[in-house]
Amino acid sequence: MSDISTESQDSSFSYGGKQPGAGYNRRSDGVHTAIYSFDNFSGTVKIQGTLELYPGENDWFDISGTEFGGDSTVVTSSSYSRNFTGNFLYIRAAYNLQNGTITEIRYNL
């Protein structure tokens, strides 16, 4: 998806750009995998989806099982994967970066 290296000290989320999901690509199985890579990361990252072709800010929802982090005392410099299923037209990363760097968020269908 994108490299994210901005630091934030508040509790609000920032968002990556929308990427085509399984529904957009007409993949009937809807299986996705997201891979998060971090360097001294603390914060929260998750994937959001939408069923709208032209989504507005209120058309996005959190996809269950994709969240990583949430405890500002945990610091990691590793990669983690999350699998999720759904015929989302678009997906995007939502993140709250407390410290460190999100070096990469990738996904495949």
C-alpha atoms as a PDB file:
ATOM      1  CA  MET A   1       0.000   0.000   0.000  1.00  0.00           C
ATOM      2  CA  SER A   2       2.367   2.726   1.160  1.00  0.00           C
ATOM      3  CA  ASP A   3       5.251   3.652   3.435  1.00  0.00           C
ATOM      4  CA  ILE A   4       4.178   5.575   6.518  1.00  0.00           C
ATOM      5  CA  SER A   5       6.744   7.374   8.670  1.00  0.00           C
ATOM      6  CA  THR A   6       4.860  10.278  10.205  1.00  0.00           C
ATOM      7  CA  GLU A   7       4.739  10.373  13.999  1.00  0.00           C
ATOM      8  CA  SER A   8       1.591  11.356  15.861  1.00  0.00           C
ATOM      9  CA  GLN A   9       0.969  11.899  19.552  1.00  0.00           C
ATOM     10  CA  ASP A  10      -2.837  12.111  19.479  1.00  0.00           C
ATOM     11  CA  SER A  11      -5.426   9.336  19.424  1.00  0.00           C
ATOM     12  CA  SER A  12      -6.896  10.040  15.992  1.00  0.00           C
ATOM     13  CA  PHE A  13      -6.350   7.789  12.996  1.00  0.00           C
ATOM     14  CA  SER A  14      -4.772   8.675   9.676  1.00  0.00           C
ATOM     15  CA  TYR A  15      -5.534   6.798   6.473  1.00  0.00           C
ATOM     16  CA  GLY A  16      -3.639   5.422   3.500  1.00  0.00           C
ATOM     17  CA  GLY A  17      -4.961   5.666  -0.036  1.00  0.00           C
ATOM     18  CA  LYS A  18      -7.708   3.365  -1.240  1.00  0.00           C
ATOM     19  CA  GLN A  19      -6.658   0.198  -3.053  1.00  0.00           C
ATOM     20  CA  PRO A  20      -8.848  -2.155  -5.132  1.00  0.00           C
ATOM     21  CA  GLY A  21     -10.191  -5.100  -3.148  1.00  0.00           C
ATOM     22  CA  ALA A  22     -11.511  -8.504  -4.170  1.00  0.00           C
ATOM     23  CA  GLY A  23     -14.936  -7.091  -5.075  1.00  0.00           C
ATOM     24  CA  TYR A  24     -13.393  -4.544  -7.424  1.00  0.00           C
ATOM     25  CA  ASN A  25     -11.371  -7.288  -9.112  1.00  0.00           C
ATOM     26  CA  ARG A  26     -14.411  -9.622  -9.206  1.00  0.00           C
ATOM     27  CA  ARG A  27     -12.669 -12.307  -7.190  1.00  0.00           C
ATOM     28  CA  SER A  28     -15.434 -14.457  -5.774  1.00  0.00           C
ATOM     29  CA  ASP A  29     -13.438 -15.965  -2.883  1.00  0.00           C
ATOM     30  CA  GLY A  30     -12.782 -12.554  -1.261  1.00  0.00           C
ATOM     31  CA  VAL A  31      -9.584 -13.734   0.453  1.00  0.00           C
ATOM     32  CA  HIS A  32      -6.984 -11.020   1.286  1.00  0.00           C
ATOM     33  CA  THR A  33      -3.724 -10.975   3.232  1.00  0.00           C
ATOM     34  CA  ALA A  34      -2.231  -7.815   4.735  1.00  0.00           C
ATOM     35  CA  ILE A  35       1.398  -7.655   5.869  1.00  0.00           C
ATOM     36  CA  TYR A  36       2.520  -4.935   8.267  1.00  0.00           C
ATOM     37  CA  SER A  37       6.243  -4.157   8.723  1.00  0.00           C
ATOM     38  CA  PHE A  38       7.480  -1.960  11.567  1.00  0.00           C
ATOM     39  CA  ASP A  39      10.629  -0.318  12.937  1.00  0.00           C
ATOM     40  CA  ASN A  40      10.398   0.537  16.667  1.00  0.00           C
ATOM     41  CA  PHE A  41       6.630   0.841  16.223  1.00  0.00           C
ATOM     42  CA  SER A  42       4.073   1.547  18.891  1.00  0.00           C
ATOM     43  CA  GLY A  43       0.499   2.429  18.016  1.00  0.00           C
ATOM     44  CA  THR A  44      -2.352   0.801  16.122  1.00  0.00           C
ATOM     45  CA  VAL A  45      -2.802  -0.250  12.515  1.00  0.00           C
ATOM     46  CA  LYS A  46      -5.824  -1.914  10.890  1.00  0.00           C
ATOM     47  CA  ILE A  47      -7.479  -2.376   7.517  1.00  0.00           C
ATOM     48  CA  GLN A  48     -10.770  -0.754   6.575  1.00  0.00           C
ATOM     49  CA  GLY A  49     -13.075  -1.681   3.709  1.00  0.00           C
ATOM     50  CA  THR A  50     -15.924  -0.195   1.734  1.00  0.00           C
ATOM     51  CA  LEU A  51     -18.622  -1.507  -0.564  1.00  0.00           C
ATOM     52  CA  GLU A  52     -19.031   1.846  -2.302  1.00  0.00           C
ATOM     53  CA  LEU A  53     -17.639   2.495  -5.794  1.00  0.00           C
ATOM     54  CA  TYR A  54     -17.043   6.167  -4.937  1.00  0.00           C
ATOM     55  CA  PRO A  55     -16.545   6.109  -1.148  1.00  0.00           C
ATOM     56  CA  GLY A  56     -16.805   9.140   1.082  1.00  0.00           C
ATOM     57  CA  GLU A  57     -15.220   9.338   4.535  1.00  0.00           C
ATOM     58  CA  ASN A  58     -18.336   7.875   6.201  1.00  0.00           C
ATOM     59  CA  ASP A  59     -18.433   4.819   3.897  1.00  0.00           C
ATOM     60  CA  TRP A  60     -15.448   3.014   5.483  1.00  0.00           C
ATOM     61  CA  PHE A  61     -15.629   0.363   8.240  1.00  0.00           C
ATOM     62  CA  ASP A  62     -13.048  -1.581  10.230  1.00  0.00           C
ATOM     63  CA  ILE A  63     -12.447  -5.134   9.006  1.00  0.00           C
ATOM     64  CA  SER A  64     -12.553  -7.580  11.896  1.00  0.00           C
ATOM     65  CA  GLY A  65      -9.316  -9.404  12.682  1.00  0.00           C
ATOM     66  CA  THR A  66      -6.964  -6.968  10.920  1.00  0.00           C
ATOM     67  CA  GLU A  67      -5.916  -4.816  13.890  1.00  0.00           C
ATOM     68  CA  PHE A  68      -2.377  -4.884  15.251  1.00  0.00           C
ATOM     69  CA  GLY A  69      -1.111  -2.958  18.270  1.00  0.00           C
ATOM     70  CA  GLY A  70      -3.268  -0.841  20.504  1.00  0.00           C
ATOM     71  CA  ASP A  71      -0.963  -0.903  23.518  1.00  0.00           C
ATOM     72  CA  SER A  72       1.388   2.085  23.441  1.00  0.00           C
ATOM     73  CA  THR A  73       3.857   0.280  25.706  1.00  0.00           C
ATOM     74  CA  VAL A  74       4.539  -2.476  23.143  1.00  0.00           C
ATOM     75  CA  VAL A  75       7.351  -1.678  20.696  1.00  0.00           C
ATOM     76  CA  THR A  76       8.127  -3.946  17.752  1.00  0.00           C
ATOM     77  CA  SER A  77      10.489  -4.082  14.782  1.00  0.00           C
ATOM     78  CA  SER A  78       9.033  -7.067  12.933  1.00  0.00           C
ATOM     79  CA  SER A  79       6.511  -8.021  10.257  1.00  0.00           C
ATOM     80  CA  TYR A  80       3.061  -9.469  10.917  1.00  0.00           C
ATOM     81  CA  SER A  81       0.312 -10.748   8.647  1.00  0.00           C
ATOM     82  CA  ARG A  82      -3.462 -10.729   8.929  1.00  0.00           C
ATOM     83  CA  ASN A  83      -5.865 -12.690   6.693  1.00  0.00           C
ATOM     84  CA  PHE A  84      -9.391 -11.479   6.061  1.00  0.00           C
ATOM     85  CA  THR A  85     -12.256 -12.307   3.746  1.00  0.00           C
ATOM     86  CA  GLY A  86     -14.810 -10.061   2.057  1.00  0.00           C
ATOM     87  CA  ASN A  87     -15.792  -8.762  -1.349  1.00  0.00           C
ATOM     88  CA  PHE A  88     -14.740  -5.197  -0.554  1.00  0.00           C
ATOM     89  CA  LEU A  89     -14.593  -2.812  -3.490  1.00  0.00           C
ATOM     90  CA  TYR A  90     -11.730  -0.918  -1.832  1.00  0.00           C
ATOM     91  CA  ILE A  91      -9.536  -1.341   1.206  1.00  0.00           C
ATOM     92  CA  ARG A  92      -7.207   1.082   2.993  1.00  0.00           C
ATOM     93  CA  ALA A  93      -4.911   1.198   6.014  1.00  0.00           C
ATOM     94  CA  ALA A  94      -5.944   3.122   9.124  1.00  0.00           C
ATOM     95  CA  TYR A  95      -3.183   3.877  11.597  1.00  0.00           C
ATOM     96  CA  ASN A  96      -2.372   5.710  14.779  1.00  0.00           C
ATOM     97  CA  LEU A  97       1.391   5.997  14.995  1.00  0.00           C
ATOM     98  CA  GLN A  98       2.598   6.779  18.503  1.00  0.00           C
ATOM     99  CA  ASN A  99       6.291   6.148  17.887  1.00  0.00           C
ATOM    100  CA  GLY A 100       8.651   4.652  15.318  1.00  0.00           C
ATOM    101  CA  THR A 101       7.890   3.839  11.705  1.00  0.00           C
ATOM    102  CA  ILE A 102       5.452   1.739   9.737  1.00  0.00           C
ATOM    103  CA  THR A 103       7.917   0.742   7.021  1.00  0.00           C
ATOM    104  CA  GLU A 104       5.407  -1.016   4.807  1.00  0.00           C
ATOM    105  CA  ILE A 105       1.827  -2.211   4.537  1.00  0.00           C
ATOM    106  CA  ARG A 106       1.256  -4.654   1.708  1.00  0.00           C
ATOM    107  CA  TYR A 107      -1.682  -6.751   0.714  1.00  0.00           C
ATOM    108  CA  ASN A 108      -2.597  -9.340  -1.871  1.00  0.00           C
ATOM    109  CA  LEU A 109      -5.786 -10.917  -3.099  1.00  0.00           C
END
